[in-house]
Amino acid sequence: MPKDFELIPHTADLKIRVYGSNLAELFRHAVIGMFQAIEPRAQGCTVQQDRLVCSSLPQSHEITVESPDAASLLVDFLSHALYLSDVHNEAYLDATIHEITNTNVRATVRGVEVTGFNVEIKAVTYHDLDIHKQGGLWQTDIVFDI
């Protein structure tokens, strides 16, 4: 399986590098990476290879975001998912991207109720954010203020 995301060492915050074969897959992997990186705890789920694995993802919410460019769109999209997580006490471990352009995204995030997280994200930042293609793959680094 191709790599979807990886944790990158960072002195004070949380940083992930996300990969995708297209922009939609990059956004999907960014949501998965963000929530896996903060180590959610949920009943009925197990941790396998440092990831929370659940047999089903019964909670779902649609997210529609419009932003001036792809970088802003990604930050706004992840920020909205983080907001929904805070409101509903859920972690989103997968997403379906229904429509995406450089300025709009419509997606459904799916997840589970959680008992907590080991790391708390305060904000998604623009620091080092550069969405680009490298070696045929879309890639970006995302820094989260924790």
C-alpha atoms as a PDB file:
ATOM      1  CA  MET A   1       0.000   0.000   0.000  1.00  0.00           C
ATOM      2  CA  PRO A   2       1.395   3.431  -0.871  1.00  0.00           C
ATOM      3  CA  LYS A   3       2.116   5.705   2.056  1.00  0.00           C
ATOM      4  CA  ASP A   4      -0.800   8.007   2.965  1.00  0.00           C
ATOM      5  CA  PHE A   5       0.876  10.130   5.653  1.00  0.00           C
ATOM      6  CA  GLU A   6       3.771  10.140   8.091  1.00  0.00           C
ATOM      7  CA  LEU A   7       4.664  12.011  11.250  1.00  0.00           C
ATOM      8  CA  ILE A   8       7.549  14.437  10.809  1.00  0.00           C
ATOM      9  CA  PRO A   9       9.644  15.468  13.839  1.00  0.00           C
ATOM     10  CA  HIS A  10       8.889  19.033  14.962  1.00  0.00           C
ATOM     11  CA  THR A  11      10.296  20.894  17.951  1.00  0.00           C
ATOM     12  CA  ALA A  12       7.119  22.364  19.422  1.00  0.00           C
ATOM     13  CA  ASP A  13       4.116  21.365  17.340  1.00  0.00           C
ATOM     14  CA  LEU A  14       2.735  18.374  15.450  1.00  0.00           C
ATOM     15  CA  LYS A  15       3.721  17.954  11.800  1.00  0.00           C
ATOM     16  CA  ILE A  16       2.586  15.420   9.225  1.00  0.00           C
ATOM     17  CA  ARG A  17       3.557  14.851   5.603  1.00  0.00           C
ATOM     18  CA  VAL A  18       0.600  13.806   3.474  1.00  0.00           C
ATOM     19  CA  TYR A  19       0.609  12.060   0.092  1.00  0.00           C
ATOM     20  CA  GLY A  20      -2.041  11.465  -2.568  1.00  0.00           C
ATOM     21  CA  SER A  21      -2.313  10.372  -6.177  1.00  0.00           C
ATOM     22  CA  ASN A  22      -4.621  13.361  -6.773  1.00  0.00           C
ATOM     23  CA  LEU A  23      -5.956  16.344  -4.830  1.00  0.00           C
ATOM     24  CA  ALA A  24      -8.986  14.421  -3.540  1.00  0.00           C
ATOM     25  CA  GLU A  25      -6.811  11.645  -2.143  1.00  0.00           C
ATOM     26  CA  LEU A  26      -4.454  14.219  -0.588  1.00  0.00           C
ATOM     27  CA  PHE A  27      -7.390  15.815   1.288  1.00  0.00           C
ATOM     28  CA  ARG A  28      -8.696  12.388   2.374  1.00  0.00           C
ATOM     29  CA  HIS A  29      -5.279  11.368   3.673  1.00  0.00           C
ATOM     30  CA  ALA A  30      -4.886  14.738   5.435  1.00  0.00           C
ATOM     31  CA  VAL A  31      -8.040  14.117   7.498  1.00  0.00           C
ATOM     32  CA  ILE A  32      -6.961  10.567   8.301  1.00  0.00           C
ATOM     33  CA  GLY A  33      -3.444  11.729   9.195  1.00  0.00           C
ATOM     34  CA  MET A  34      -4.651  14.590  11.384  1.00  0.00           C
ATOM     35  CA  PHE A  35      -6.902  12.384  13.490  1.00  0.00           C
ATOM     36  CA  GLN A  36      -4.548   9.399  13.673  1.00  0.00           C
ATOM     37  CA  ALA A  37      -1.694  11.703  14.750  1.00  0.00           C
ATOM     38  CA  ILE A  38      -3.603  12.926  17.808  1.00  0.00           C
ATOM     39  CA  GLU A  39      -4.156   9.355  18.994  1.00  0.00           C
ATOM     40  CA  PRO A  40      -7.912   9.110  19.584  1.00  0.00           C
ATOM     41  CA  ARG A  41      -9.253   6.698  22.173  1.00  0.00           C
ATOM     42  CA  ALA A  42     -12.534   4.934  21.399  1.00  0.00           C
ATOM     43  CA  GLN A  43     -14.379   1.986  22.900  1.00  0.00           C
ATOM     44  CA  GLY A  44     -14.614  -1.071  20.677  1.00  0.00           C
ATOM     45  CA  CYS A  45     -11.603  -0.033  18.582  1.00  0.00           C
ATOM     46  CA  THR A  46      -8.032  -1.294  18.699  1.00  0.00           C
ATOM     47  CA  VAL A  47      -4.634   0.221  18.023  1.00  0.00           C
ATOM     48  CA  GLN A  48      -2.760  -1.578  15.245  1.00  0.00           C
ATOM     49  CA  GLN A  49       0.608  -0.315  13.969  1.00  0.00           C
ATOM     50  CA  ASP A  50       0.114   3.007  15.814  1.00  0.00           C
ATOM     51  CA  ARG A  51      -3.334   3.608  14.263  1.00  0.00           C
ATOM     52  CA  LEU A  52      -6.807   3.410  15.729  1.00  0.00           C
ATOM     53  CA  VAL A  53      -8.749   0.743  13.827  1.00  0.00           C
ATOM     54  CA  CYS A  54     -12.514   0.429  14.196  1.00  0.00           C
ATOM     55  CA  SER A  55     -14.768  -2.214  12.633  1.00  0.00           C
ATOM     56  CA  SER A  56     -17.248   0.498  11.614  1.00  0.00           C
ATOM     57  CA  LEU A  57     -17.381   4.279  11.358  1.00  0.00           C
ATOM     58  CA  PRO A  58     -21.010   5.077  12.239  1.00  0.00           C
ATOM     59  CA  GLN A  59     -20.696   8.857  12.656  1.00  0.00           C
ATOM     60  CA  SER A  60     -20.703  10.987   9.502  1.00  0.00           C
ATOM     61  CA  HIS A  61     -20.922  14.667   8.605  1.00  0.00           C
ATOM     62  CA  GLU A  62     -20.834  16.509   5.318  1.00  0.00           C
ATOM     63  CA  ILE A  63     -18.333  19.335   4.936  1.00  0.00           C
ATOM     64  CA  THR A  64     -18.565  21.952   2.204  1.00  0.00           C
ATOM     65  CA  VAL A  65     -15.842  24.600   2.066  1.00  0.00           C
ATOM     66  CA  GLU A  66     -14.978  27.376  -0.364  1.00  0.00           C
ATOM     67  CA  SER A  67     -11.610  29.159  -0.127  1.00  0.00           C
ATOM     68  CA  PRO A  68      -9.452  31.367  -2.376  1.00  0.00           C
ATOM     69  CA  ASP A  69      -6.763  28.732  -3.126  1.00  0.00           C
ATOM     70  CA  ALA A  70      -5.815  25.089  -2.523  1.00  0.00           C
ATOM     71  CA  ALA A  71      -3.684  25.759   0.587  1.00  0.00           C
ATOM     72  CA  SER A  72      -6.443  27.817   2.244  1.00  0.00           C
ATOM     73  CA  LEU A  73      -8.966  25.170   1.213  1.00  0.00           C
ATOM     74  CA  LEU A  74      -6.980  22.433   2.957  1.00  0.00           C
ATOM     75  CA  VAL A  75      -6.562  24.480   6.153  1.00  0.00           C
ATOM     76  CA  ASP A  76     -10.262  25.431   6.173  1.00  0.00           C
ATOM     77  CA  PHE A  77     -11.333  21.835   5.432  1.00  0.00           C
ATOM     78  CA  LEU A  78      -9.224  20.373   8.247  1.00  0.00           C
ATOM     79  CA  SER A  79     -10.279  23.169  10.612  1.00  0.00           C
ATOM     80  CA  HIS A  80     -13.931  22.381   9.924  1.00  0.00           C
ATOM     81  CA  ALA A  81     -13.334  18.665  10.587  1.00  0.00           C
ATOM     82  CA  LEU A  82     -11.573  19.599  13.835  1.00  0.00           C
ATOM     83  CA  TYR A  83     -14.524  21.837  14.806  1.00  0.00           C
ATOM     84  CA  LEU A  84     -16.988  18.976  14.168  1.00  0.00           C
ATOM     85  CA  SER A  85     -14.777  16.676  16.223  1.00  0.00           C
ATOM     86  CA  ASP A  86     -14.879  19.106  19.161  1.00  0.00           C
ATOM     87  CA  VAL A  87     -18.646  19.627  18.929  1.00  0.00           C
ATOM     88  CA  HIS A  88     -19.569  15.934  18.587  1.00  0.00           C
ATOM     89  CA  ASN A  89     -16.668  14.346  20.527  1.00  0.00           C
ATOM     90  CA  GLU A  90     -15.699  12.246  17.512  1.00  0.00           C
ATOM     91  CA  ALA A  91     -12.601  11.286  15.514  1.00  0.00           C
ATOM     92  CA  TYR A  92     -12.843  11.039  11.724  1.00  0.00           C
ATOM     93  CA  LEU A  93     -10.817   8.133  10.438  1.00  0.00           C
ATOM     94  CA  ASP A  94     -11.931   8.262   6.811  1.00  0.00           C
ATOM     95  CA  ALA A  95     -13.495  10.617   4.298  1.00  0.00           C
ATOM     96  CA  THR A  96     -15.116  10.538   0.900  1.00  0.00           C
ATOM     97  CA  ILE A  97     -14.325  13.523  -1.277  1.00  0.00           C
ATOM     98  CA  HIS A  98     -17.396  14.021  -3.487  1.00  0.00           C
ATOM     99  CA  GLU A  99     -16.210  17.122  -5.368  1.00  0.00           C
ATOM    100  CA  ILE A 100     -12.980  19.091  -5.297  1.00  0.00           C
ATOM    101  CA  THR A 101     -11.334  21.958  -7.175  1.00  0.00           C
ATOM    102  CA  ASN A 102      -8.545  24.308  -6.063  1.00  0.00           C
ATOM    103  CA  THR A 103     -11.170  26.507  -4.349  1.00  0.00           C
ATOM    104  CA  ASN A 104     -14.047  24.177  -3.336  1.00  0.00           C
ATOM    105  CA  VAL A 105     -14.470  20.855  -1.600  1.00  0.00           C
ATOM    106  CA  ARG A 106     -17.528  18.805  -0.661  1.00  0.00           C
ATOM    107  CA  ALA A 107     -16.807  15.747   1.439  1.00  0.00           C
ATOM    108  CA  THR A 108     -18.247  13.364   3.993  1.00  0.00           C
ATOM    109  CA  VAL A 109     -16.096  12.568   7.016  1.00  0.00           C
ATOM    110  CA  ARG A 110     -16.748   9.302   8.863  1.00  0.00           C
ATOM    111  CA  GLY A 111     -15.672   8.323  12.329  1.00  0.00           C
ATOM    112  CA  VAL A 112     -16.454   7.182  15.842  1.00  0.00           C
ATOM    113  CA  GLU A 113     -17.298   8.688  19.198  1.00  0.00           C
ATOM    114  CA  VAL A 114     -14.175   9.033  21.303  1.00  0.00           C
ATOM    115  CA  THR A 115     -13.359   9.036  24.991  1.00  0.00           C
ATOM    116  CA  GLY A 116     -10.500  11.456  24.356  1.00  0.00           C
ATOM    117  CA  PHE A 117      -7.278  12.181  22.499  1.00  0.00           C
ATOM    118  CA  ASN A 118      -3.682  11.882  23.687  1.00  0.00           C
ATOM    119  CA  VAL A 119      -2.791  15.132  21.870  1.00  0.00           C
ATOM    120  CA  GLU A 120      -4.968  18.228  21.518  1.00  0.00           C
ATOM    121  CA  ILE A 121      -4.800  20.327  18.352  1.00  0.00           C
ATOM    122  CA  LYS A 122      -5.436  24.025  18.946  1.00  0.00           C
ATOM    123  CA  ALA A 123      -5.288  25.017  15.272  1.00  0.00           C
ATOM    124  CA  VAL A 124      -4.346  23.973  11.761  1.00  0.00           C
ATOM    125  CA  THR A 125      -1.605  26.346  10.577  1.00  0.00           C
ATOM    126  CA  TYR A 126      -0.259  27.646   7.278  1.00  0.00           C
ATOM    127  CA  HIS A 127       3.341  27.163   8.479  1.00  0.00           C
ATOM    128  CA  ASP A 128       5.374  25.262   5.814  1.00  0.00           C
ATOM    129  CA  LEU A 129       2.155  24.491   3.909  1.00  0.00           C
ATOM    130  CA  ASP A 130       2.953  23.978   0.239  1.00  0.00           C
ATOM    131  CA  ILE A 131       0.777  21.653  -1.834  1.00  0.00           C
ATOM    132  CA  HIS A 132       2.815  20.360  -4.751  1.00  0.00           C
ATOM    133  CA  LYS A 133       3.414  17.393  -7.018  1.00  0.00           C
ATOM    134  CA  GLN A 134       6.617  15.458  -6.488  1.00  0.00           C
ATOM    135  CA  GLY A 135       7.485  12.295  -8.378  1.00  0.00           C
ATOM    136  CA  GLY A 136       3.914  11.957  -9.651  1.00  0.00           C
ATOM    137  CA  LEU A 137       2.385  12.244  -6.162  1.00  0.00           C
ATOM    138  CA  TRP A 138       0.675  15.202  -4.542  1.00  0.00           C
ATOM    139  CA  GLN A 139       2.364  16.069  -1.257  1.00  0.00           C
ATOM    140  CA  THR A 140       2.201  18.621   1.526  1.00  0.00           C
ATOM    141  CA  ASP A 141       3.458  19.148   5.055  1.00  0.00           C
ATOM    142  CA  ILE A 142       0.906  20.312   7.625  1.00  0.00           C
ATOM    143  CA  VAL A 143       1.816  21.806  11.000  1.00  0.00           C
ATOM    144  CA  PHE A 144      -0.736  21.757  13.812  1.00  0.00           C
ATOM    145  CA  ASP A 145      -0.508  24.056  16.811  1.00  0.00           C
ATOM    146  CA  ILE A 146      -0.781  21.825  19.900  1.00  0.00           C
END
